[in-house]
Structure formats: structure tokens, C-alpha cells
């Protein structure tokens, strides 16, 4: 995955290789349908920023744990889920090289996963709570291999953070 550097942790955007595949057919097997975003504000998982009005984006089904498990040999079983994510309809430059963790300006859930891809628990993070400290707390458990940052309202995957 492409990375977005922070002081303590690394937010991982969806990689260019995976994005190319998702632009052809999403993880549910459906063809991708680009659209012009009329209002802007969609959380783009390709570059970890919000869309601008008029940008061409696509809403696709994405299975983040399945993709991670394919690289690690994990067997997430029933925890292998897919859900909607927004991406640019065409290739973009990825995340900016500077800045903090993305999308921390609202309630988020940090969902912790073990090396075999099973959920170890979750934690609600509410602004102005320290997001970095909540991630550090998640990684104090040596069984945590990665954390998914998710939106509370819809449960959507925003990005992955791995052990620093």
C-alpha cells in the first residue's frame, strides 16, 4: 500500500496496483462506474483526502482484509468483508508526502486485527481526542498486527495502519 507519513504511525492508502484492478472491476466483481462528484467531500482512499466538486470519482467495493491476507497468508474467515470506498476514477498522485493521519476530524473506530486476520476489538475515537495516542494504545497489545480506521456513521474502511 502507498503510505502517508505521520509522526508515530503510517496511514496506508490503497496501492496503485490495487487501484488499477478496482478501476476495472471491484472486489464484488462489478464494473466500476465513474461519476463527477457534484458537491465534493468524498473521502478518497487513493490519496487520503476529500474530493473536490466536479472531480471524477468512483464508489467501489473493497475488501481490505482479504488483500492484506493474500500477502501475509492469514486466514480471516468470516472477518473477510468488503465495503464501499471512494477512489479517483483515474490514476492520481497518491497521498501527499507530508501531513498527519487522514480523516481524523470526526468520530472514528479503530478496529484491531491479529496476525491471522481476526478482530481483537475496537475503540471509538472522538475529536478532540488524541488520535495518535489511541493508535499507540492499540499497538500496546503485542497481538495487534494492524488497525483499520473506519467511519462511525457508515462503518466504511478509511485506511489501514500497521505496527510502527
N, C-alpha and C. Protein backbone atom coordinates (compact mmCIF):
# COMPACT_ATOMS: atom_id res chain seq x y z
N UNK A 1 0.83 -1.18 0.00
CA UNK A 1 0.00 0.00 0.00
C UNK A 1 0.87 1.24 0.00
N UNK A 2 0.37 2.30 -0.58
CA UNK A 2 1.06 3.57 -0.55
C UNK A 2 0.96 4.12 0.86
N UNK A 3 1.98 4.82 1.32
CA UNK A 3 1.96 5.30 2.70
C UNK A 3 1.80 6.81 2.77
N UNK A 4 1.32 7.25 3.90
CA UNK A 4 1.15 8.66 4.23
C UNK A 4 1.81 8.83 5.58
N UNK A 5 2.96 9.46 5.63
CA UNK A 5 3.77 9.50 6.85
C UNK A 5 3.16 10.37 7.93
N UNK A 6 3.36 9.95 9.17
CA UNK A 6 2.96 10.71 10.34
C UNK A 6 4.10 10.63 11.34
N UNK A 7 3.93 11.28 12.47
CA UNK A 7 4.97 11.26 13.47
C UNK A 7 5.18 9.87 14.05
N UNK A 8 4.11 9.20 14.45
CA UNK A 8 4.23 7.90 15.10
C UNK A 8 3.75 6.73 14.25
N UNK A 9 2.80 6.96 13.38
CA UNK A 9 2.14 5.90 12.64
C UNK A 9 2.10 6.22 11.15
N UNK A 10 1.77 5.20 10.36
CA UNK A 10 1.71 5.35 8.92
C UNK A 10 0.32 4.97 8.42
N UNK A 11 -0.39 5.92 7.86
CA UNK A 11 -1.67 5.65 7.22
C UNK A 11 -1.38 5.11 5.83
N UNK A 12 -1.99 3.98 5.49
CA UNK A 12 -1.69 3.32 4.24
C UNK A 12 -2.87 3.44 3.28
N UNK A 13 -2.66 4.19 2.21
CA UNK A 13 -3.67 4.32 1.17
C UNK A 13 -3.67 3.05 0.32
N UNK A 14 -4.71 2.86 -0.46
CA UNK A 14 -4.76 1.72 -1.36
C UNK A 14 -3.68 1.89 -2.43
N UNK A 15 -2.94 0.83 -2.72
CA UNK A 15 -1.82 0.90 -3.66
C UNK A 15 -2.29 1.14 -5.09
N UNK A 16 -1.38 1.66 -5.91
CA UNK A 16 -1.68 1.91 -7.31
C UNK A 16 -2.06 0.63 -8.04
N UNK A 17 -1.42 -0.49 -7.72
CA UNK A 17 -1.73 -1.76 -8.36
C UNK A 17 -3.15 -2.21 -8.05
N UNK A 18 -3.53 -2.12 -6.78
CA UNK A 18 -4.89 -2.50 -6.37
C UNK A 18 -5.90 -1.52 -6.97
N UNK A 19 -5.57 -0.23 -6.98
CA UNK A 19 -6.47 0.75 -7.57
C UNK A 19 -6.74 0.46 -9.04
N UNK A 20 -5.70 0.08 -9.78
CA UNK A 20 -5.88 -0.25 -11.20
C UNK A 20 -6.86 -1.41 -11.35
N UNK A 21 -6.74 -2.41 -10.50
CA UNK A 21 -7.67 -3.54 -10.56
C UNK A 21 -9.09 -3.10 -10.19
N UNK A 22 -9.22 -2.27 -9.15
CA UNK A 22 -10.55 -1.81 -8.71
C UNK A 22 -11.22 -0.94 -9.77
N UNK A 23 -10.42 -0.20 -10.53
CA UNK A 23 -11.00 0.64 -11.58
C UNK A 23 -11.58 -0.19 -12.73
N UNK A 24 -11.10 -1.41 -12.89
CA UNK A 24 -11.62 -2.30 -13.92
C UNK A 24 -12.83 -3.08 -13.39
N UNK A 25 -12.69 -3.63 -12.19
CA UNK A 25 -13.73 -4.44 -11.57
C UNK A 25 -13.49 -4.42 -10.07
N UNK A 26 -14.52 -4.12 -9.29
CA UNK A 26 -14.31 -4.03 -7.84
C UNK A 26 -14.25 -5.41 -7.19
N UNK A 27 -14.05 -5.44 -5.89
CA UNK A 27 -13.88 -6.71 -5.17
C UNK A 27 -15.18 -7.51 -5.07
N UNK A 28 -16.29 -6.95 -5.51
CA UNK A 28 -17.55 -7.69 -5.59
C UNK A 28 -17.78 -8.20 -7.02
N UNK A 29 -16.81 -7.90 -7.93
CA UNK A 29 -16.92 -8.36 -9.31
C UNK A 29 -17.73 -7.46 -10.22
N UNK A 30 -18.07 -6.27 -9.74
CA UNK A 30 -18.86 -5.34 -10.55
C UNK A 30 -17.95 -4.38 -11.31
N UNK A 31 -18.34 -4.01 -12.53
CA UNK A 31 -17.56 -2.99 -13.25
C UNK A 31 -17.66 -1.65 -12.53
N UNK A 32 -16.59 -0.88 -12.60
CA UNK A 32 -16.56 0.43 -11.94
C UNK A 32 -17.22 1.47 -12.82
N UNK A 33 -18.05 2.31 -12.20
CA UNK A 33 -18.75 3.36 -12.92
C UNK A 33 -18.31 4.73 -12.40
N UNK A 34 -17.50 5.46 -13.17
CA UNK A 34 -17.06 6.79 -12.74
C UNK A 34 -18.23 7.78 -12.73
N UNK A 35 -18.11 8.79 -11.87
CA UNK A 35 -19.10 9.87 -11.83
C UNK A 35 -18.41 11.15 -11.43
N UNK A 36 -18.99 12.26 -11.84
CA UNK A 36 -18.49 13.57 -11.42
C UNK A 36 -19.11 13.87 -10.06
N UNK A 37 -18.28 14.14 -9.08
CA UNK A 37 -18.75 14.42 -7.72
C UNK A 37 -19.34 15.83 -7.69
N UNK A 38 -20.65 15.97 -7.56
CA UNK A 38 -21.26 17.30 -7.65
C UNK A 38 -20.92 18.23 -6.48
N UNK A 39 -20.76 17.67 -5.28
CA UNK A 39 -20.55 18.50 -4.09
C UNK A 39 -19.14 18.46 -3.53
N UNK A 40 -18.41 17.40 -3.81
CA UNK A 40 -17.10 17.22 -3.18
C UNK A 40 -17.26 16.70 -1.77
N UNK A 41 -16.14 16.39 -1.14
CA UNK A 41 -16.15 15.95 0.24
C UNK A 41 -16.08 14.44 0.44
N UNK A 42 -16.06 13.66 -0.65
CA UNK A 42 -15.97 12.21 -0.50
C UNK A 42 -14.56 11.84 -0.02
N UNK A 43 -14.44 10.95 0.97
CA UNK A 43 -13.12 10.55 1.45
C UNK A 43 -12.45 9.58 0.48
N UNK A 44 -11.48 10.05 -0.24
CA UNK A 44 -10.79 9.26 -1.27
C UNK A 44 -9.72 8.39 -0.63
N UNK A 45 -9.82 7.07 -0.85
CA UNK A 45 -8.88 6.14 -0.23
C UNK A 45 -7.61 5.97 -1.06
N UNK A 46 -7.56 6.58 -2.22
CA UNK A 46 -6.37 6.50 -3.07
C UNK A 46 -5.34 7.56 -2.69
N UNK A 47 -5.79 8.70 -2.22
CA UNK A 47 -4.87 9.79 -1.90
C UNK A 47 -5.09 10.38 -0.51
N UNK A 48 -6.01 9.78 0.23
CA UNK A 48 -6.27 10.16 1.63
C UNK A 48 -6.59 11.64 1.79
N UNK A 49 -7.48 12.11 0.92
CA UNK A 49 -8.01 13.47 1.05
C UNK A 49 -9.46 13.45 0.60
N UNK A 50 -10.15 14.55 0.81
CA UNK A 50 -11.54 14.65 0.37
C UNK A 50 -11.59 15.15 -1.08
N UNK A 51 -12.58 14.68 -1.80
CA UNK A 51 -12.74 15.08 -3.20
C UNK A 51 -13.16 16.55 -3.31
N UNK A 52 -12.85 17.12 -4.45
CA UNK A 52 -13.25 18.48 -4.79
C UNK A 52 -14.50 18.41 -5.67
N UNK A 53 -15.36 19.42 -5.63
CA UNK A 53 -16.54 19.42 -6.51
C UNK A 53 -16.12 19.26 -7.97
N UNK A 54 -16.81 18.35 -8.67
CA UNK A 54 -16.55 18.12 -10.08
C UNK A 54 -15.50 17.07 -10.38
N UNK A 55 -14.74 16.62 -9.38
CA UNK A 55 -13.73 15.58 -9.62
C UNK A 55 -14.42 14.28 -10.04
N UNK A 56 -13.76 13.54 -10.91
CA UNK A 56 -14.28 12.24 -11.33
C UNK A 56 -13.81 11.18 -10.34
N UNK A 57 -14.80 10.57 -9.69
CA UNK A 57 -14.53 9.56 -8.67
C UNK A 57 -15.35 8.31 -8.98
N UNK A 58 -15.12 7.27 -8.21
CA UNK A 58 -15.92 6.05 -8.32
C UNK A 58 -16.13 5.48 -6.92
N UNK A 59 -17.28 4.88 -6.73
CA UNK A 59 -17.59 4.18 -5.48
C UNK A 59 -17.48 2.69 -5.81
N UNK A 60 -16.55 2.01 -5.15
CA UNK A 60 -16.29 0.59 -5.43
C UNK A 60 -16.33 -0.23 -4.15
N UNK A 61 -16.58 -1.53 -4.31
CA UNK A 61 -16.48 -2.45 -3.19
C UNK A 61 -15.02 -2.86 -3.04
N UNK A 62 -14.55 -2.82 -1.79
CA UNK A 62 -13.15 -3.10 -1.50
C UNK A 62 -13.09 -4.03 -0.29
N UNK A 63 -12.22 -5.03 -0.38
CA UNK A 63 -12.03 -6.00 0.71
C UNK A 63 -10.62 -5.84 1.27
N UNK A 64 -10.40 -4.89 2.19
CA UNK A 64 -9.05 -4.60 2.66
C UNK A 64 -8.39 -5.76 3.39
N UNK A 65 -9.11 -6.47 4.22
CA UNK A 65 -8.52 -7.57 4.97
C UNK A 65 -8.15 -8.73 4.03
N UNK A 66 -8.98 -8.97 3.02
CA UNK A 66 -8.69 -10.02 2.04
C UNK A 66 -7.39 -9.72 1.30
N UNK A 67 -7.22 -8.47 0.93
CA UNK A 67 -5.99 -8.08 0.21
C UNK A 67 -4.76 -8.24 1.10
N UNK A 68 -4.87 -7.83 2.35
CA UNK A 68 -3.76 -7.98 3.31
C UNK A 68 -3.47 -9.46 3.54
N UNK A 69 -4.51 -10.26 3.72
CA UNK A 69 -4.34 -11.69 3.99
C UNK A 69 -3.66 -12.40 2.82
N UNK A 70 -3.93 -11.97 1.61
CA UNK A 70 -3.30 -12.59 0.44
C UNK A 70 -1.78 -12.43 0.50
N UNK A 71 -1.30 -11.33 1.06
CA UNK A 71 0.15 -11.09 1.16
C UNK A 71 0.78 -11.76 2.38
N UNK A 72 -0.01 -11.96 3.43
CA UNK A 72 0.55 -12.47 4.67
C UNK A 72 0.28 -13.95 4.92
N UNK A 73 -0.65 -14.52 4.17
CA UNK A 73 -1.04 -15.90 4.40
C UNK A 73 -2.06 -16.07 5.51
N UNK A 74 -2.59 -14.97 6.02
CA UNK A 74 -3.61 -15.02 7.08
C UNK A 74 -4.90 -15.65 6.53
N UNK A 75 -5.70 -16.17 7.44
CA UNK A 75 -6.99 -16.77 7.09
C UNK A 75 -8.07 -16.06 7.91
N UNK A 76 -8.57 -14.90 7.44
CA UNK A 76 -9.53 -14.15 8.24
C UNK A 76 -10.92 -14.77 8.35
N UNK A 77 -11.21 -15.77 7.52
CA UNK A 77 -12.51 -16.44 7.61
C UNK A 77 -13.66 -15.46 7.47
N UNK A 78 -14.58 -15.52 8.41
CA UNK A 78 -15.78 -14.67 8.36
C UNK A 78 -15.47 -13.18 8.52
N UNK A 79 -14.27 -12.85 8.99
CA UNK A 79 -13.90 -11.44 9.13
C UNK A 79 -13.52 -10.79 7.80
N UNK A 80 -13.44 -11.58 6.74
CA UNK A 80 -13.16 -11.06 5.41
C UNK A 80 -14.43 -10.40 4.89
N UNK A 81 -14.44 -9.09 4.95
CA UNK A 81 -15.62 -8.35 4.50
C UNK A 81 -15.24 -7.36 3.41
N UNK A 82 -16.21 -6.94 2.66
CA UNK A 82 -15.99 -5.90 1.67
C UNK A 82 -17.00 -4.80 1.90
N UNK A 83 -16.61 -3.59 1.52
CA UNK A 83 -17.50 -2.47 1.70
C UNK A 83 -17.16 -1.36 0.72
N UNK A 84 -17.97 -0.32 0.71
CA UNK A 84 -17.79 0.75 -0.25
C UNK A 84 -16.66 1.70 0.12
N UNK A 85 -15.88 2.09 -0.89
CA UNK A 85 -14.86 3.13 -0.74
C UNK A 85 -14.87 4.00 -1.98
N UNK A 86 -14.54 5.26 -1.78
CA UNK A 86 -14.40 6.20 -2.90
C UNK A 86 -12.94 6.23 -3.35
N UNK A 87 -12.74 6.23 -4.66
CA UNK A 87 -11.42 6.38 -5.25
C UNK A 87 -11.52 7.34 -6.43
N UNK A 88 -10.41 7.89 -6.86
CA UNK A 88 -10.41 8.66 -8.10
C UNK A 88 -10.73 7.70 -9.25
N UNK A 89 -11.50 8.16 -10.22
CA UNK A 89 -11.84 7.32 -11.37
C UNK A 89 -10.63 7.05 -12.24
N UNK A 90 -9.66 7.96 -12.24
CA UNK A 90 -8.42 7.82 -12.99
C UNK A 90 -7.25 7.88 -12.02
N UNK A 91 -6.09 7.37 -12.43
CA UNK A 91 -4.93 7.42 -11.53
C UNK A 91 -4.64 8.84 -11.02
N UNK A 92 -4.25 8.90 -9.74
CA UNK A 92 -3.89 10.18 -9.13
C UNK A 92 -2.48 10.05 -8.56
N UNK A 93 -1.99 11.10 -7.96
CA UNK A 93 -0.63 11.10 -7.42
C UNK A 93 -0.48 10.42 -6.08
N UNK A 94 -1.56 9.88 -5.53
CA UNK A 94 -1.48 9.25 -4.21
C UNK A 94 -1.46 10.30 -3.11
N UNK A 95 -1.20 9.87 -1.89
CA UNK A 95 -1.21 10.80 -0.75
C UNK A 95 -0.08 11.83 -0.83
N UNK A 96 -0.34 12.98 -0.25
CA UNK A 96 0.71 13.99 -0.12
C UNK A 96 1.81 13.42 0.77
N UNK A 97 3.03 13.81 0.54
CA UNK A 97 4.14 13.23 1.30
C UNK A 97 4.23 13.78 2.72
N UNK A 98 3.62 14.92 2.98
CA UNK A 98 3.68 15.47 4.33
C UNK A 98 2.29 15.49 4.94
N UNK A 99 2.21 15.70 6.22
CA UNK A 99 0.92 15.80 6.89
C UNK A 99 0.70 14.67 7.86
N UNK A 100 -0.41 14.76 8.59
CA UNK A 100 -0.73 13.77 9.60
C UNK A 100 -1.65 12.70 9.08
N UNK A 101 -2.22 11.95 9.99
CA UNK A 101 -3.18 10.93 9.62
C UNK A 101 -4.41 11.59 8.99
N UNK A 102 -5.00 10.93 8.03
CA UNK A 102 -6.13 11.49 7.30
C UNK A 102 -7.45 11.22 8.01
N UNK A 103 -8.41 12.09 7.77
CA UNK A 103 -9.81 11.89 8.19
C UNK A 103 -9.96 11.71 9.70
N UNK A 104 -9.22 12.45 10.49
CA UNK A 104 -9.29 12.33 11.95
C UNK A 104 -10.21 13.40 12.55
N UNK A 105 -10.94 14.11 11.72
CA UNK A 105 -11.75 15.23 12.17
C UNK A 105 -13.17 14.85 12.58
N UNK A 106 -13.45 13.56 12.70
CA UNK A 106 -14.78 13.09 13.07
C UNK A 106 -14.64 11.83 13.91
N UNK A 107 -15.76 11.35 14.44
CA UNK A 107 -15.74 10.10 15.21
C UNK A 107 -15.22 8.98 14.31
N UNK A 108 -14.29 8.19 14.83
CA UNK A 108 -13.72 7.06 14.09
C UNK A 108 -13.64 5.85 15.00
N UNK A 109 -13.67 4.69 14.39
CA UNK A 109 -13.45 3.45 15.12
C UNK A 109 -12.12 2.89 14.67
N UNK A 110 -11.31 2.51 15.64
CA UNK A 110 -10.06 1.82 15.37
C UNK A 110 -10.32 0.34 15.61
N UNK A 111 -10.35 -0.44 14.54
CA UNK A 111 -10.62 -1.88 14.64
C UNK A 111 -9.29 -2.62 14.56
N UNK A 112 -8.98 -3.37 15.62
CA UNK A 112 -7.70 -4.07 15.72
C UNK A 112 -7.82 -5.50 15.18
N UNK A 113 -6.77 -5.94 14.47
CA UNK A 113 -6.74 -7.29 13.90
C UNK A 113 -5.48 -8.03 14.33
N UNK A 114 -5.62 -9.32 14.52
CA UNK A 114 -4.50 -10.21 14.87
C UNK A 114 -3.75 -10.61 13.59
N UNK A 115 -2.59 -11.26 13.74
CA UNK A 115 -1.84 -11.71 12.56
C UNK A 115 -2.61 -12.70 11.68
N UNK A 116 -3.61 -13.40 12.25
CA UNK A 116 -4.40 -14.32 11.43
C UNK A 116 -5.63 -13.65 10.83
N UNK A 117 -5.79 -12.35 11.07
CA UNK A 117 -6.89 -11.60 10.45
C UNK A 117 -8.18 -11.61 11.24
N UNK A 118 -8.13 -11.95 12.51
CA UNK A 118 -9.33 -11.94 13.34
C UNK A 118 -9.41 -10.65 14.15
N UNK A 119 -10.62 -10.17 14.37
CA UNK A 119 -10.82 -8.93 15.11
C UNK A 119 -10.48 -9.15 16.58
N UNK A 120 -9.66 -8.25 17.11
CA UNK A 120 -9.29 -8.30 18.53
C UNK A 120 -10.07 -7.28 19.35
N UNK A 121 -10.78 -6.40 18.70
CA UNK A 121 -11.54 -5.38 19.41
C UNK A 121 -11.53 -4.09 18.64
N UNK A 122 -12.18 -3.12 19.21
CA UNK A 122 -12.26 -1.82 18.57
C UNK A 122 -12.32 -0.73 19.62
N UNK A 123 -12.15 0.48 19.14
CA UNK A 123 -12.18 1.63 20.06
C UNK A 123 -12.71 2.83 19.32
N UNK A 124 -13.67 3.51 19.94
CA UNK A 124 -14.19 4.75 19.40
C UNK A 124 -13.24 5.89 19.75
N UNK A 125 -12.90 6.70 18.76
CA UNK A 125 -12.06 7.89 18.98
C UNK A 125 -12.93 9.09 18.61
N UNK A 126 -13.08 10.00 19.57
CA UNK A 126 -13.94 11.17 19.40
C UNK A 126 -13.12 12.44 19.47
N UNK A 127 -13.15 13.28 18.42
CA UNK A 127 -12.40 14.54 18.50
C UNK A 127 -12.90 15.38 19.66
N UNK A 128 -12.02 16.08 20.33
CA UNK A 128 -10.62 16.36 20.01
C UNK A 128 -9.65 15.36 20.63
N UNK A 129 -10.11 14.15 20.94
CA UNK A 129 -9.23 13.13 21.50
C UNK A 129 -8.01 12.93 20.61
N UNK A 130 -6.88 12.59 21.21
CA UNK A 130 -5.62 12.41 20.50
C UNK A 130 -5.65 11.10 19.71
N UNK A 131 -5.76 11.23 18.41
CA UNK A 131 -5.85 10.08 17.51
C UNK A 131 -4.57 9.24 17.55
N UNK A 132 -3.42 9.91 17.55
CA UNK A 132 -2.13 9.21 17.62
C UNK A 132 -2.03 8.39 18.90
N UNK A 133 -2.47 8.96 20.01
CA UNK A 133 -2.40 8.24 21.29
C UNK A 133 -3.31 7.01 21.26
N UNK A 134 -4.47 7.12 20.63
CA UNK A 134 -5.38 5.98 20.52
C UNK A 134 -4.75 4.87 19.68
N UNK A 135 -4.04 5.22 18.61
CA UNK A 135 -3.34 4.22 17.81
C UNK A 135 -2.20 3.58 18.61
N UNK A 136 -1.45 4.41 19.34
CA UNK A 136 -0.38 3.87 20.18
C UNK A 136 -0.93 2.89 21.19
N UNK A 137 -2.06 3.22 21.79
CA UNK A 137 -2.72 2.33 22.75
C UNK A 137 -3.09 1.00 22.09
N UNK A 138 -3.61 1.05 20.87
CA UNK A 138 -3.98 -0.18 20.15
C UNK A 138 -2.77 -1.08 19.96
N UNK A 139 -1.63 -0.49 19.65
CA UNK A 139 -0.43 -1.27 19.37
C UNK A 139 0.33 -1.69 20.63
N UNK A 140 -0.16 -1.32 21.83
CA UNK A 140 0.47 -1.83 23.04
C UNK A 140 0.18 -3.32 23.21
N UNK A 141 -0.87 -3.79 22.59
CA UNK A 141 -1.17 -5.23 22.60
C UNK A 141 -0.28 -5.90 21.56
N UNK A 142 0.63 -6.79 21.97
CA UNK A 142 1.55 -7.40 21.02
C UNK A 142 0.86 -8.28 19.97
N UNK A 143 -0.39 -8.65 20.21
CA UNK A 143 -1.13 -9.46 19.24
C UNK A 143 -1.71 -8.65 18.09
N UNK A 144 -1.68 -7.32 18.20
CA UNK A 144 -2.25 -6.48 17.13
C UNK A 144 -1.25 -6.36 15.99
N UNK A 145 -1.67 -6.82 14.81
CA UNK A 145 -0.83 -6.74 13.61
C UNK A 145 -1.14 -5.49 12.80
N UNK A 146 -2.41 -5.10 12.78
CA UNK A 146 -2.80 -3.90 12.04
C UNK A 146 -4.10 -3.36 12.60
N UNK A 147 -4.38 -2.11 12.26
CA UNK A 147 -5.59 -1.43 12.69
C UNK A 147 -6.27 -0.85 11.46
N UNK A 148 -7.57 -1.06 11.36
CA UNK A 148 -8.36 -0.40 10.33
C UNK A 148 -9.03 0.81 10.96
N UNK A 149 -8.89 1.94 10.31
CA UNK A 149 -9.58 3.16 10.71
C UNK A 149 -10.87 3.21 9.90
N UNK A 150 -12.00 3.34 10.60
CA UNK A 150 -13.31 3.29 9.96
C UNK A 150 -14.18 4.45 10.39
N UNK A 151 -15.08 4.82 9.48
CA UNK A 151 -16.07 5.85 9.77
C UNK A 151 -17.13 5.25 10.69
N UNK A 152 -17.59 6.02 11.66
CA UNK A 152 -18.61 5.55 12.58
C UNK A 152 -19.97 5.49 11.90
N UNK A 153 -20.30 6.53 11.14
CA UNK A 153 -21.64 6.65 10.58
C UNK A 153 -22.02 5.49 9.67
N UNK A 154 -21.09 5.05 8.82
CA UNK A 154 -21.38 4.01 7.85
C UNK A 154 -20.54 2.76 8.06
N UNK A 155 -19.55 2.81 8.92
CA UNK A 155 -18.68 1.67 9.15
C UNK A 155 -17.65 1.46 8.06
N UNK A 156 -17.55 2.41 7.14
CA UNK A 156 -16.67 2.26 5.98
C UNK A 156 -15.19 2.28 6.37
N UNK A 157 -14.43 1.44 5.69
CA UNK A 157 -12.99 1.42 5.82
C UNK A 157 -12.42 2.73 5.27
N UNK A 158 -11.54 3.38 6.03
CA UNK A 158 -10.88 4.59 5.56
C UNK A 158 -9.44 4.30 5.16
N UNK A 159 -8.69 3.64 6.03
CA UNK A 159 -7.32 3.23 5.72
C UNK A 159 -6.81 2.29 6.79
N UNK A 160 -5.66 1.72 6.51
CA UNK A 160 -5.00 0.77 7.40
C UNK A 160 -3.78 1.41 8.04
N UNK A 161 -3.51 1.04 9.28
CA UNK A 161 -2.29 1.43 9.97
C UNK A 161 -1.64 0.15 10.47
N UNK A 162 -0.36 0.00 10.17
CA UNK A 162 0.38 -1.16 10.65
C UNK A 162 1.29 -0.75 11.80
N UNK A 163 1.78 -1.74 12.50
CA UNK A 163 2.67 -1.51 13.63
C UNK A 163 3.84 -0.63 13.20
N UNK A 164 4.16 0.42 14.01
CA UNK A 164 5.28 1.31 13.65
C UNK A 164 6.62 0.59 13.65
